[in-house]
PDB file of N, CA and C in Angstrom:
ATOM      1  N   MET A   1       0.820  -1.178   0.000  1.00  0.00           N
ATOM      2  CA  MET A   1       0.000   0.000   0.000  1.00  0.00           C
ATOM      3  C   MET A   1       0.873   1.254   0.000  1.00  0.00           C
ATOM      4  N   GLN A   2       1.974   1.218   0.766  1.00  0.00           N
ATOM      5  CA  GLN A   2       2.833   2.390   0.830  1.00  0.00           C
ATOM      6  C   GLN A   2       3.881   2.394  -0.282  1.00  0.00           C
ATOM      7  N   ARG A   3       3.985   1.296  -1.015  1.00  0.00           N
ATOM      8  CA  ARG A   3       4.906   1.163  -2.144  1.00  0.00           C
ATOM      9  C   ARG A   3       6.353   1.445  -1.734  1.00  0.00           C
ATOM     10  N   ILE A   4       6.761   0.868  -0.614  1.00  0.00           N
ATOM     11  CA  ILE A   4       8.131   1.033  -0.123  1.00  0.00           C
ATOM     12  C   ILE A   4       8.934  -0.201  -0.503  1.00  0.00           C
ATOM     13  N   GLN A   5      10.124   0.015  -1.011  1.00  0.00           N
ATOM     14  CA  GLN A   5      11.039  -1.061  -1.351  1.00  0.00           C
ATOM     15  C   GLN A   5      12.292  -0.913  -0.502  1.00  0.00           C
ATOM     16  N   GLY A   6      13.014  -1.993  -0.342  1.00  0.00           N
ATOM     17  CA  GLY A   6      14.281  -1.916   0.364  1.00  0.00           C
ATOM     18  C   GLY A   6      14.762  -3.277   0.805  1.00  0.00           C
ATOM     19  N   VAL A   7      15.937  -3.272   1.388  1.00  0.00           N
ATOM     20  CA  VAL A   7      16.561  -4.490   1.896  1.00  0.00           C
ATOM     21  C   VAL A   7      16.716  -4.352   3.401  1.00  0.00           C
ATOM     22  N   VAL A   8      16.340  -5.406   4.110  1.00  0.00           N
ATOM     23  CA  VAL A   8      16.511  -5.439   5.557  1.00  0.00           C
ATOM     24  C   VAL A   8      17.503  -6.559   5.877  1.00  0.00           C
ATOM     25  N   ARG A   9      18.510  -6.219   6.661  1.00  0.00           N
ATOM     26  CA  ARG A   9      19.478  -7.206   7.127  1.00  0.00           C
ATOM     27  C   ARG A   9      19.269  -7.416   8.620  1.00  0.00           C
ATOM     28  N   LEU A  10      19.124  -8.686   8.993  1.00  0.00           N
ATOM     29  CA  LEU A  10      18.905  -9.032  10.390  1.00  0.00           C
ATOM     30  C   LEU A  10      20.070  -9.880  10.886  1.00  0.00           C
ATOM     31  N   HIS A  11      20.672  -9.477  11.992  1.00  0.00           N
ATOM     32  CA  HIS A  11      21.665 -10.313  12.646  1.00  0.00           C
ATOM     33  C   HIS A  11      20.870 -11.325  13.457  1.00  0.00           C
ATOM     34  N   ALA A  12      21.117 -12.612  13.216  1.00  0.00           N
ATOM     35  CA  ALA A  12      20.291 -13.647  13.837  1.00  0.00           C
ATOM     36  C   ALA A  12      21.132 -14.744  14.469  1.00  0.00           C
ATOM     37  N   LEU A  13      20.581 -15.330  15.510  1.00  0.00           N
ATOM     38  CA  LEU A  13      21.129 -16.528  16.110  1.00  0.00           C
ATOM     39  C   LEU A  13      20.145 -17.651  15.808  1.00  0.00           C
ATOM     40  N   ILE A  14      20.622 -18.654  15.085  1.00  0.00           N
ATOM     41  CA  ILE A  14      19.790 -19.820  14.779  1.00  0.00           C
ATOM     42  C   ILE A  14      20.106 -20.866  15.847  1.00  0.00           C
ATOM     43  N   ASN A  15      19.095 -21.265  16.591  1.00  0.00           N
ATOM     44  CA  ASN A  15      19.275 -22.208  17.695  1.00  0.00           C
ATOM     45  C   ASN A  15      19.586 -23.613  17.191  1.00  0.00           C
ATOM     46  N   GLN A  16      19.989 -24.466  18.108  1.00  0.00           N
ATOM     47  CA  GLN A  16      20.333 -25.848  17.768  1.00  0.00           C
ATOM     48  C   GLN A  16      19.179 -26.607  17.139  1.00  0.00           C
ATOM     49  N   ASP A  17      17.947 -26.241  17.479  1.00  0.00           N
ATOM     50  CA  ASP A  17      16.789 -26.938  16.916  1.00  0.00           C
ATOM     51  C   ASP A  17      16.289 -26.304  15.616  1.00  0.00           C
ATOM     52  N   GLY A  18      17.003 -25.272  15.114  1.00  0.00           N
ATOM     53  CA  GLY A  18      16.634 -24.643  13.855  1.00  0.00           C
ATOM     54  C   GLY A  18      15.681 -23.463  13.995  1.00  0.00           C
ATOM     55  N   THR A  19      15.273 -23.147  15.207  1.00  0.00           N
ATOM     56  CA  THR A  19      14.420 -21.979  15.400  1.00  0.00           C
ATOM     57  C   THR A  19      15.277 -20.712  15.432  1.00  0.00           C
ATOM     58  N   VAL A  20      14.644 -19.587  15.154  1.00  0.00           N
ATOM     59  CA  VAL A  20      15.348 -18.311  15.164  1.00  0.00           C
ATOM     60  C   VAL A  20      15.311 -17.759  16.580  1.00  0.00           C
ATOM     61  N   GLY A  21      16.492 -17.462  17.113  1.00  0.00           N
ATOM     62  CA  GLY A  21      16.598 -16.909  18.462  1.00  0.00           C
ATOM     63  C   GLY A  21      16.648 -15.400  18.406  1.00  0.00           C
ATOM     64  N   ASP A  22      17.719 -14.851  18.914  1.00  0.00           N
ATOM     65  CA  ASP A  22      17.887 -13.400  18.948  1.00  0.00           C
ATOM     66  C   ASP A  22      17.931 -12.821  17.534  1.00  0.00           C
ATOM     67  N   LEU A  23      17.283 -11.676  17.355  1.00  0.00           N
ATOM     68  CA  LEU A  23      17.281 -10.952  16.084  1.00  0.00           C
ATOM     69  C   LEU A  23      17.544  -9.483  16.354  1.00  0.00           C
ATOM     70  N   ALA A  24      18.330  -8.867  15.481  1.00  0.00           N
ATOM     71  CA  ALA A  24      18.567  -7.430  15.571  1.00  0.00           C
ATOM     72  C   ALA A  24      18.713  -6.876  14.160  1.00  0.00           C
ATOM     73  N   VAL A  25      18.117  -5.742  13.918  1.00  0.00           N
ATOM     74  CA  VAL A  25      18.219  -5.091  12.609  1.00  0.00           C
ATOM     75  C   VAL A  25      19.616  -4.501  12.475  1.00  0.00           C
ATOM     76  N   VAL A  26      20.220  -4.726  11.304  1.00  0.00           N
ATOM     77  CA  VAL A  26      21.538  -4.185  10.995  1.00  0.00           C
ATOM     78  C   VAL A  26      21.351  -3.046   9.999  1.00  0.00           C
ATOM     79  N   GLY A  27      21.913  -1.895  10.272  1.00  0.00           N
ATOM     80  CA  GLY A  27      21.770  -0.761   9.365  1.00  0.00           C
ATOM     81  C   GLY A  27      20.514   0.028   9.676  1.00  0.00           C
ATOM     82  N   THR A  28      20.104   0.826   8.686  1.00  0.00           N
ATOM     83  CA  THR A  28      18.941   1.697   8.870  1.00  0.00           C
ATOM     84  C   THR A  28      17.968   1.561   7.702  1.00  0.00           C
ATOM     85  N   PRO A  29      17.298   0.414   7.594  1.00  0.00           N
ATOM     86  CA  PRO A  29      16.284   0.272   6.544  1.00  0.00           C
ATOM     87  C   PRO A  29      15.052   1.097   6.906  1.00  0.00           C
ATOM     88  N   PRO A  30      14.129   1.276   5.961  1.00  0.00           N
ATOM     89  CA  PRO A  30      12.874   1.948   6.305  1.00  0.00           C
ATOM     90  C   PRO A  30      12.215   1.256   7.501  1.00  0.00           C
ATOM     91  N   LEU A  31      11.764   2.037   8.456  1.00  0.00           N
ATOM     92  CA  LEU A  31      11.219   1.505   9.700  1.00  0.00           C
ATOM     93  C   LEU A  31      10.106   0.493   9.477  1.00  0.00           C
ATOM     94  N   VAL A  32       9.196   0.771   8.567  1.00  0.00           N
ATOM     95  CA  VAL A  32       8.068  -0.138   8.340  1.00  0.00           C
ATOM     96  C   VAL A  32       8.560  -1.503   7.844  1.00  0.00           C
ATOM     97  N   LEU A  33       9.614  -1.535   7.058  1.00  0.00           N
ATOM     98  CA  LEU A  33      10.156  -2.811   6.576  1.00  0.00           C
ATOM     99  C   LEU A  33      10.847  -3.564   7.705  1.00  0.00           C
ATOM    100  N   ALA A  34      11.587  -2.850   8.524  1.00  0.00           N
ATOM    101  CA  ALA A  34      12.250  -3.483   9.665  1.00  0.00           C
ATOM    102  C   ALA A  34      11.220  -4.086  10.621  1.00  0.00           C
ATOM    103  N   GLN A  35      10.147  -3.344  10.873  1.00  0.00           N
ATOM    104  CA  GLN A  35       9.102  -3.836  11.776  1.00  0.00           C
ATOM    105  C   GLN A  35       8.404  -5.067  11.224  1.00  0.00           C
ATOM    106  N   ALA A  36       8.250  -5.146   9.922  1.00  0.00           N
ATOM    107  CA  ALA A  36       7.601  -6.315   9.307  1.00  0.00           C
ATOM    108  C   ALA A  36       8.530  -7.522   9.281  1.00  0.00           C
ATOM    109  N   SER A  37       9.826  -7.295   9.218  1.00  0.00           N
ATOM    110  CA  SER A  37      10.794  -8.373   9.066  1.00  0.00           C
ATOM    111  C   SER A  37      10.964  -9.227  10.310  1.00  0.00           C
ATOM    112  N   ILE A  38      10.984  -8.611  11.460  1.00  0.00           N
ATOM    113  CA  ILE A  38      11.300  -9.349  12.687  1.00  0.00           C
ATOM    114  C   ILE A  38      10.267 -10.431  13.011  1.00  0.00           C
ATOM    115  N   PRO A  39       8.967 -10.129  13.073  1.00  0.00           N
ATOM    116  CA  PRO A  39       8.019 -11.216  13.383  1.00  0.00           C
ATOM    117  C   PRO A  39       7.977 -12.282  12.285  1.00  0.00           C
ATOM    118  N   THR A  40       8.227 -11.868  11.061  1.00  0.00           N
ATOM    119  CA  THR A  40       8.242 -12.835   9.963  1.00  0.00           C
ATOM    120  C   THR A  40       9.406 -13.794  10.118  1.00  0.00           C
ATOM    121  N   ALA A  41      10.605 -13.269  10.335  1.00  0.00           N
ATOM    122  CA  ALA A  41      11.796 -14.108  10.466  1.00  0.00           C
ATOM    123  C   ALA A  41      11.712 -15.010  11.700  1.00  0.00           C
ATOM    124  N   LYS A  42      11.065 -14.547  12.761  1.00  0.00           N
ATOM    125  CA  LYS A  42      10.913 -15.368  13.975  1.00  0.00           C
ATOM    126  C   LYS A  42      10.109 -16.645  13.715  1.00  0.00           C
ATOM    127  N   GLN A  43       9.263 -16.649  12.683  1.00  0.00           N
ATOM    128  CA  GLN A  43       8.438 -17.810  12.360  1.00  0.00           C
ATOM    129  C   GLN A  43       9.203 -18.860  11.555  1.00  0.00           C
ATOM    130  N   TRP A  44      10.296 -18.479  10.947  1.00  0.00           N
ATOM    131  CA  TRP A  44      11.025 -19.393  10.067  1.00  0.00           C
ATOM    132  C   TRP A  44      11.709 -20.496  10.856  1.00  0.00           C
ATOM    133  N   ARG A  45      11.864 -21.633  10.204  1.00  0.00           N
ATOM    134  CA  ARG A  45      12.568 -22.773  10.785  1.00  0.00           C
ATOM    135  C   ARG A  45      13.648 -23.204   9.807  1.00  0.00           C
ATOM    136  N   TYR A  46      14.818 -23.460  10.345  1.00  0.00           N
ATOM    137  CA  TYR A  46      15.960 -23.878   9.550  1.00  0.00           C
ATOM    138  C   TYR A  46      16.328 -25.317   9.885  1.00  0.00           C
ATOM    139  N   ARG A  47      16.972 -25.960   8.943  1.00  0.00           N
ATOM    140  CA  ARG A  47      17.517 -27.286   9.211  1.00  0.00           C
ATOM    141  C   ARG A  47      18.717 -27.058  10.143  1.00  0.00           C
ATOM    142  N   PRO A  48      18.759 -27.749  11.276  1.00  0.00           N
ATOM    143  CA  PRO A  48      19.868 -27.529  12.209  1.00  0.00           C
ATOM    144  C   PRO A  48      21.226 -27.757  11.536  1.00  0.00           C
ATOM    145  N   THR A  49      22.175 -26.900  11.876  1.00  0.00           N
ATOM    146  CA  THR A  49      23.534 -27.048  11.390  1.00  0.00           C
ATOM    147  C   THR A  49      24.266 -28.036  12.292  1.00  0.00           C
ATOM    148  N   LEU A  50      24.968 -28.974  11.671  1.00  0.00           N
ATOM    149  CA  LEU A  50      25.679 -29.999  12.432  1.00  0.00           C
ATOM    150  C   LEU A  50      27.180 -29.753  12.390  1.00  0.00           C
ATOM    151  N   LEU A  51      27.824 -29.956  13.516  1.00  0.00           N
ATOM    152  CA  LEU A  51      29.270 -29.918  13.620  1.00  0.00           C
ATOM    153  C   LEU A  51      29.689 -31.216  14.291  1.00  0.00           C
ATOM    154  N   ASN A  52      30.418 -32.027  13.560  1.00  0.00           N
ATOM    155  CA  ASN A  52      30.799 -33.363  14.054  1.00  0.00           C
ATOM    156  C   ASN A  52      29.567 -34.180  14.451  1.00  0.00           C
ATOM    157  N   GLY A  53      28.493 -34.017  13.680  1.00  0.00           N
ATOM    158  CA  GLY A  53      27.276 -34.782  13.909  1.00  0.00           C
ATOM    159  C   GLY A  53      26.360 -34.236  14.988  1.00  0.00           C
ATOM    160  N   GLU A  54      26.739 -33.144  15.629  1.00  0.00           N
ATOM    161  CA  GLU A  54      25.937 -32.563  16.697  1.00  0.00           C
ATOM    162  C   GLU A  54      25.395 -31.203  16.264  1.00  0.00           C
ATOM    163  N   PRO A  55      24.129 -30.899  16.601  1.00  0.00           N
ATOM    164  CA  PRO A  55      23.579 -29.584  16.244  1.00  0.00           C
ATOM    165  C   PRO A  55      24.270 -28.465  17.025  1.00  0.00           C
ATOM    166  N   VAL A  56      24.499 -27.339  16.350  1.00  0.00           N
ATOM    167  CA  VAL A  56      25.143 -26.179  16.975  1.00  0.00           C
ATOM    168  C   VAL A  56      24.357 -24.918  16.647  1.00  0.00           C
ATOM    169  N   GLU A  57      24.516 -23.896  17.482  1.00  0.00           N
ATOM    170  CA  GLU A  57      23.941 -22.589  17.190  1.00  0.00           C
ATOM    171  C   GLU A  57      24.755 -21.931  16.085  1.00  0.00           C
ATOM    172  N   VAL A  58      24.061 -21.129  15.276  1.00  0.00           N
ATOM    173  CA  VAL A  58      24.727 -20.435  14.177  1.00  0.00           C
ATOM    174  C   VAL A  58      24.430 -18.948  14.268  1.00  0.00           C
ATOM    175  N   ASP A  59      25.469 -18.146  14.169  1.00  0.00           N
ATOM    176  CA  ASP A  59      25.371 -16.693  14.145  1.00  0.00           C
ATOM    177  C   ASP A  59      25.420 -16.290  12.674  1.00  0.00           C
ATOM    178  N   THR A  60      24.380 -15.606  12.178  1.00  0.00           N
ATOM    179  CA  THR A  60      24.298 -15.328  10.743  1.00  0.00           C
ATOM    180  C   THR A  60      23.597 -13.997  10.473  1.00  0.00           C
ATOM    181  N   ILE A  61      23.622 -13.617   9.217  1.00  0.00           N
ATOM    182  CA  ILE A  61      22.876 -12.455   8.736  1.00  0.00           C
ATOM    183  C   ILE A  61      21.781 -12.956   7.795  1.00  0.00           C
ATOM    184  N   ILE A  62      20.562 -12.548   8.043  1.00  0.00           N
ATOM    185  CA  ILE A  62      19.429 -12.858   7.171  1.00  0.00           C
ATOM    186  C   ILE A  62      19.142 -11.610   6.350  1.00  0.00           C
ATOM    187  N   VAL A  63      19.037 -11.764   5.044  1.00  0.00           N
ATOM    188  CA  VAL A  63      18.748 -10.643   4.154  1.00  0.00           C
ATOM    189  C   VAL A  63      17.346 -10.831   3.583  1.00  0.00           C
ATOM    190  N   ILE A  64      16.501  -9.831   3.775  1.00  0.00           N
ATOM    191  CA  ILE A  64      15.133  -9.857   3.250  1.00  0.00           C
ATOM    192  C   ILE A  64      15.003  -8.698   2.273  1.00  0.00           C
ATOM    193  N   ASN A  65      14.644  -9.025   1.046  1.00  0.00           N
ATOM    194  CA  ASN A  65      14.520  -8.020  -0.010  1.00  0.00           C
ATOM    195  C   ASN A  65      13.044  -7.742  -0.280  1.00  0.00           C
ATOM    196  N   PHE A  66      12.614  -6.525  -0.041  1.00  0.00           N
ATOM    197  CA  PHE A  66      11.253  -6.104  -0.331  1.00  0.00           C
ATOM    198  C   PHE A  66      11.282  -5.364  -1.670  1.00  0.00           C
ATOM    199  N   SER A  67      10.588  -5.908  -2.654  1.00  0.00           N
ATOM    200  CA  SER A  67      10.567  -5.227  -3.968  1.00  0.00           C
ATOM    201  C   SER A  67       9.164  -5.255  -4.545  1.00  0.00           C
ATOM    202  N   LEU A  68       8.847  -4.239  -5.278  1.00  0.00           N
ATOM    203  CA  LEU A  68       7.550  -4.150  -5.937  1.00  0.00           C
ATOM    204  C   LEU A  68       7.629  -4.860  -7.276  1.00  0.00           C
ATOM    205  N   ARG A  69       6.560  -5.494  -7.661  1.00  0.00           N
ATOM    206  CA  ARG A  69       6.521  -6.180  -8.957  1.00  0.00           C
ATOM    207  C   ARG A  69       5.702  -5.397  -9.916  1.00  0.00           C
TER     208      ARG A  69
END
């Protein structure tokens, strides 16, 4: 409705079970996009990362691209 485009980068901790833990916005994207990104990313589930066969937490950056079609 507001026709806002942009990229939101989230610093994220992916837990051992693949759920998204801590999230923080990186940079200064449009506020409305940042606000929409956090609850959305919290719902995502990842395949757990294994190290020597054991699940581990992963510190990563999630990039969400909002674009108009």
